[in-house]
N, C-alpha and C. Protein backbone atom coordinates (compact mmCIF):
# COMPACT_ATOMS: atom_id res chain seq x y z
N MET A 1 -105.31 -65.69 106.82
CA MET A 1 -104.66 -66.05 108.07
C MET A 1 -105.57 -66.23 109.21
N GLN A 2 -106.53 -65.37 109.51
CA GLN A 2 -107.36 -65.43 110.69
C GLN A 2 -108.26 -66.59 110.47
N GLN A 3 -108.80 -66.80 109.24
CA GLN A 3 -109.75 -67.89 108.98
C GLN A 3 -109.00 -69.35 109.18
N GLU A 4 -107.83 -69.24 108.82
CA GLU A 4 -106.96 -70.53 109.02
C GLU A 4 -106.83 -70.83 110.43
N ASP A 5 -106.44 -69.71 111.22
CA ASP A 5 -106.35 -69.87 112.72
C ASP A 5 -107.51 -70.34 113.18
N GLN A 6 -108.71 -69.80 112.92
CA GLN A 6 -110.05 -70.26 113.32
C GLN A 6 -110.25 -71.81 113.05
N ARG A 7 -109.98 -72.11 111.85
CA ARG A 7 -110.12 -73.46 111.39
C ARG A 7 -109.37 -74.46 112.28
N ARG A 8 -107.92 -74.01 112.48
CA ARG A 8 -107.13 -74.87 113.14
C ARG A 8 -107.63 -74.94 114.71
N ALA A 9 -108.02 -73.85 115.12
CA ALA A 9 -108.51 -73.77 116.61
C ALA A 9 -109.75 -74.73 116.77
N GLN A 10 -110.53 -74.63 115.73
CA GLN A 10 -111.77 -75.48 115.64
C GLN A 10 -111.37 -76.93 115.57
N GLN A 11 -110.56 -77.29 114.75
CA GLN A 11 -110.05 -78.64 114.71
C GLN A 11 -109.38 -79.27 115.95
N GLN A 12 -108.68 -78.38 116.53
CA GLN A 12 -108.13 -78.67 117.92
C GLN A 12 -108.97 -78.92 118.88
N GLN A 13 -110.02 -77.99 118.91
CA GLN A 13 -111.18 -78.14 119.92
C GLN A 13 -112.00 -79.47 119.65
N GLN A 14 -112.18 -79.84 118.34
CA GLN A 14 -112.89 -81.00 118.05
C GLN A 14 -112.04 -82.30 118.54
N ALA A 15 -110.81 -82.26 118.24
CA ALA A 15 -109.92 -83.28 118.73
C ALA A 15 -109.93 -83.41 120.21
N ALA A 16 -109.81 -82.17 120.97
CA ALA A 16 -109.82 -82.21 122.36
C ALA A 16 -111.24 -82.77 122.93
N ASP A 17 -112.27 -82.43 122.15
CA ASP A 17 -113.58 -82.89 122.55
C ASP A 17 -113.73 -84.35 122.56
N GLN A 18 -113.18 -84.95 121.34
CA GLN A 18 -113.23 -86.38 121.06
C GLN A 18 -112.40 -87.10 122.16
N LEU A 19 -111.29 -86.54 122.55
CA LEU A 19 -110.47 -87.18 123.64
C LEU A 19 -111.18 -87.13 124.92
N PHE A 20 -111.86 -85.85 125.17
CA PHE A 20 -112.57 -85.80 126.44
C PHE A 20 -113.66 -86.89 126.60
N TYR A 21 -114.52 -86.96 125.45
CA TYR A 21 -115.56 -87.96 125.54
C TYR A 21 -115.08 -89.39 125.55
N ALA A 22 -114.05 -89.71 124.86
CA ALA A 22 -113.48 -91.02 124.85
C ALA A 22 -113.03 -91.25 126.34
N LYS A 23 -112.25 -90.47 126.97
CA LYS A 23 -111.95 -90.76 128.35
C LYS A 23 -113.05 -90.78 129.29
N GLN A 24 -114.05 -89.90 129.07
CA GLN A 24 -115.28 -89.93 129.90
C GLN A 24 -115.91 -91.39 129.82
N ASN A 25 -116.18 -91.86 128.46
CA ASN A 25 -116.72 -93.26 128.34
C ASN A 25 -115.73 -94.22 128.87
N GLU A 26 -114.55 -94.17 128.81
CA GLU A 26 -113.83 -95.18 129.50
C GLU A 26 -114.00 -95.12 131.09
N LEU A 27 -114.02 -93.98 131.50
CA LEU A 27 -114.20 -93.88 132.93
C LEU A 27 -115.67 -94.36 133.42
N GLU A 28 -116.60 -94.24 132.65
CA GLU A 28 -117.87 -94.75 133.01
C GLU A 28 -117.83 -96.22 132.86
N GLN A 29 -117.21 -96.71 131.83
CA GLN A 29 -117.11 -98.25 131.62
C GLN A 29 -116.40 -98.85 132.79
N ARG A 30 -115.23 -98.22 133.30
CA ARG A 30 -114.63 -98.67 134.47
C ARG A 30 -115.42 -98.62 135.72
N ALA A 31 -116.30 -97.61 135.76
CA ALA A 31 -117.06 -97.60 137.02
C ALA A 31 -118.20 -98.64 136.96
N ILE A 32 -118.70 -98.91 135.81
CA ILE A 32 -119.67 -100.03 135.78
C ILE A 32 -118.98 -101.48 136.24
N GLU A 33 -117.71 -101.60 135.61
CA GLU A 33 -116.96 -102.83 135.97
C GLU A 33 -116.73 -102.92 137.51
N LEU A 34 -116.33 -101.76 138.09
CA LEU A 34 -116.05 -101.75 139.51
C LEU A 34 -117.36 -102.03 140.36
N GLN A 35 -118.45 -101.47 139.84
CA GLN A 35 -119.65 -101.69 140.54
C GLN A 35 -120.15 -103.18 140.41
N ARG A 36 -119.93 -103.77 139.21
CA ARG A 36 -120.29 -105.23 138.96
C ARG A 36 -119.32 -106.14 139.97
N ALA A 37 -118.06 -105.80 140.05
CA ALA A 37 -117.11 -106.48 140.87
C ALA A 37 -117.44 -106.41 142.35
N GLU A 38 -117.91 -105.15 142.80
CA GLU A 38 -118.26 -104.97 144.15
C GLU A 38 -119.48 -105.80 144.50
N GLU A 39 -120.44 -105.60 143.57
CA GLU A 39 -121.62 -106.64 143.83
C GLU A 39 -121.28 -108.16 143.90
N GLN A 40 -120.46 -108.51 143.07
CA GLN A 40 -119.99 -109.96 143.10
C GLN A 40 -119.39 -110.27 144.39
N CYS A 41 -118.45 -109.24 144.78
CA CYS A 41 -117.78 -109.52 146.11
C CYS A 41 -118.75 -109.57 147.27
N ARG A 42 -119.81 -108.76 147.32
CA ARG A 42 -120.71 -108.85 148.42
C ARG A 42 -121.49 -110.01 148.30
N ARG A 43 -121.93 -110.66 147.14
CA ARG A 43 -122.61 -111.92 147.16
C ARG A 43 -121.70 -113.06 147.58
N ASP A 44 -120.35 -112.94 147.23
CA ASP A 44 -119.37 -113.85 147.69
C ASP A 44 -119.25 -113.95 149.22
N ILE A 45 -119.13 -112.78 149.75
CA ILE A 45 -118.94 -112.55 151.23
C ILE A 45 -120.24 -113.10 151.91
N ASN A 46 -121.33 -112.77 151.47
CA ASN A 46 -122.56 -113.08 152.01
C ASN A 46 -122.83 -114.69 151.99
N LYS A 47 -122.36 -115.39 150.89
CA LYS A 47 -122.36 -116.74 150.78
C LYS A 47 -121.44 -117.49 151.77
N SER A 48 -120.13 -116.82 151.94
CA SER A 48 -119.17 -117.31 152.75
C SER A 48 -119.72 -117.17 154.24
N VAL A 49 -120.32 -116.01 154.66
CA VAL A 49 -120.88 -115.82 155.98
C VAL A 49 -122.06 -117.02 156.25
N ARG A 50 -122.83 -117.20 155.29
CA ARG A 50 -123.86 -118.22 155.39
C ARG A 50 -123.28 -119.60 155.59
N ASN A 51 -122.20 -119.96 154.71
CA ASN A 51 -121.64 -121.21 154.92
C ASN A 51 -120.92 -121.39 156.33
N TYR A 52 -120.40 -120.24 156.79
CA TYR A 52 -119.76 -120.22 158.08
C TYR A 52 -120.71 -120.51 159.25
N ASN A 53 -121.84 -119.72 159.21
CA ASN A 53 -122.87 -119.83 160.18
C ASN A 53 -123.48 -121.22 160.07
N ASP A 54 -123.75 -121.77 158.83
CA ASP A 54 -124.21 -123.27 158.80
C ASP A 54 -123.18 -124.21 159.35
N ALA A 55 -121.96 -123.96 159.19
CA ALA A 55 -120.95 -124.88 159.81
C ALA A 55 -121.04 -124.77 161.41
N LEU A 56 -121.09 -123.48 161.89
CA LEU A 56 -121.21 -123.33 163.32
C LEU A 56 -122.42 -124.11 163.85
N VAL A 57 -123.54 -124.03 163.22
CA VAL A 57 -124.86 -124.68 163.68
C VAL A 57 -124.66 -126.15 163.61
N SER A 58 -124.02 -126.65 162.60
CA SER A 58 -123.76 -128.08 162.51
C SER A 58 -122.84 -128.54 163.75
N GLN A 59 -121.73 -127.93 163.81
CA GLN A 59 -120.87 -128.06 164.93
C GLN A 59 -121.54 -127.96 166.30
N THR A 60 -122.37 -127.12 166.57
CA THR A 60 -123.08 -127.04 167.79
C THR A 60 -123.95 -128.28 168.00
N ASN A 61 -124.67 -128.62 166.93
CA ASN A 61 -125.66 -129.74 166.90
C ASN A 61 -124.91 -131.00 167.28
N LEU A 62 -123.66 -131.19 166.60
CA LEU A 62 -122.92 -132.26 166.86
C LEU A 62 -122.49 -132.37 168.19
N ARG A 63 -121.95 -131.25 168.85
CA ARG A 63 -121.41 -131.30 170.21
C ARG A 63 -122.60 -131.53 171.12
N THR A 64 -123.87 -131.03 170.89
CA THR A 64 -124.98 -131.25 171.67
C THR A 64 -125.31 -132.70 171.61
N LYS A 65 -125.25 -133.30 170.48
CA LYS A 65 -125.58 -134.77 170.44
C LYS A 65 -124.61 -135.55 171.07
N PHE A 66 -123.38 -135.23 170.97
CA PHE A 66 -122.29 -136.00 171.58
C PHE A 66 -122.50 -135.88 173.06
N PHE A 67 -122.78 -134.65 173.66
CA PHE A 67 -122.95 -134.44 175.09
C PHE A 67 -123.96 -135.37 175.54
N PHE A 68 -125.11 -135.27 175.01
CA PHE A 68 -126.34 -136.12 175.42
C PHE A 68 -125.97 -137.54 175.39
N HIS A 69 -125.41 -137.93 174.30
CA HIS A 69 -124.98 -139.38 174.17
C HIS A 69 -123.97 -139.86 175.17
N SER A 70 -123.12 -139.11 175.52
CA SER A 70 -122.08 -139.29 176.55
C SER A 70 -122.87 -139.39 178.00
N GLN A 71 -123.69 -138.43 178.22
CA GLN A 71 -124.57 -138.38 179.54
C GLN A 71 -125.29 -139.72 179.45
N ASN A 72 -125.88 -140.12 178.35
CA ASN A 72 -126.74 -141.27 178.35
C ASN A 72 -125.90 -142.55 178.72
N VAL A 73 -124.58 -142.51 178.10
CA VAL A 73 -123.74 -143.71 178.35
C VAL A 73 -123.37 -143.79 179.86
N ARG A 74 -122.99 -142.59 180.48
CA ARG A 74 -122.65 -142.44 181.90
C ARG A 74 -123.74 -143.09 182.65
N HIS A 75 -124.97 -142.48 182.45
CA HIS A 75 -126.13 -142.93 183.27
C HIS A 75 -126.32 -144.49 183.18
N ARG A 76 -126.21 -145.05 182.00
CA ARG A 76 -126.33 -146.50 181.83
C ARG A 76 -125.25 -147.28 182.62
N SER A 77 -124.07 -146.78 182.41
CA SER A 77 -123.01 -147.33 183.15
C SER A 77 -123.11 -147.18 184.73
N PHE A 78 -123.77 -146.12 185.24
CA PHE A 78 -123.94 -145.94 186.53
C PHE A 78 -125.09 -146.93 187.01
N ILE A 79 -126.00 -146.98 186.28
CA ILE A 79 -127.16 -147.99 186.53
C ILE A 79 -126.60 -149.44 186.54
N ILE A 80 -125.85 -149.77 185.57
CA ILE A 80 -125.31 -151.14 185.49
C ILE A 80 -124.44 -151.43 186.65
N ASN A 81 -123.66 -150.40 187.05
CA ASN A 81 -122.76 -150.64 188.16
C ASN A 81 -123.51 -150.80 189.65
N LEU A 82 -124.72 -149.97 189.58
CA LEU A 82 -125.54 -150.10 190.89
C LEU A 82 -126.27 -151.53 190.95
N SER A 83 -126.54 -152.04 189.94
CA SER A 83 -127.19 -153.42 189.98
C SER A 83 -126.32 -154.59 190.26
N HIS A 84 -125.00 -154.41 190.07
CA HIS A 84 -124.05 -155.34 190.52
C HIS A 84 -123.54 -155.27 191.87
């Protein structure tokens, strides 16, 4: 009877160990997946920030060009009006 109890206890311990290691493995895999997702998210955020900054630079350049073009047109109009 005592040997049977020991054998049963040993089997239960082995089953519990298997469950523990399976759960530990599952959690490790989930941690790896989360880390990969976080890294991808960081890459995507960085790309979006770069795109946004590029758009701001482009917009600023266009505004500057428009400003100088309109100034140039005004000056030409002023000169033309002076000559008449």
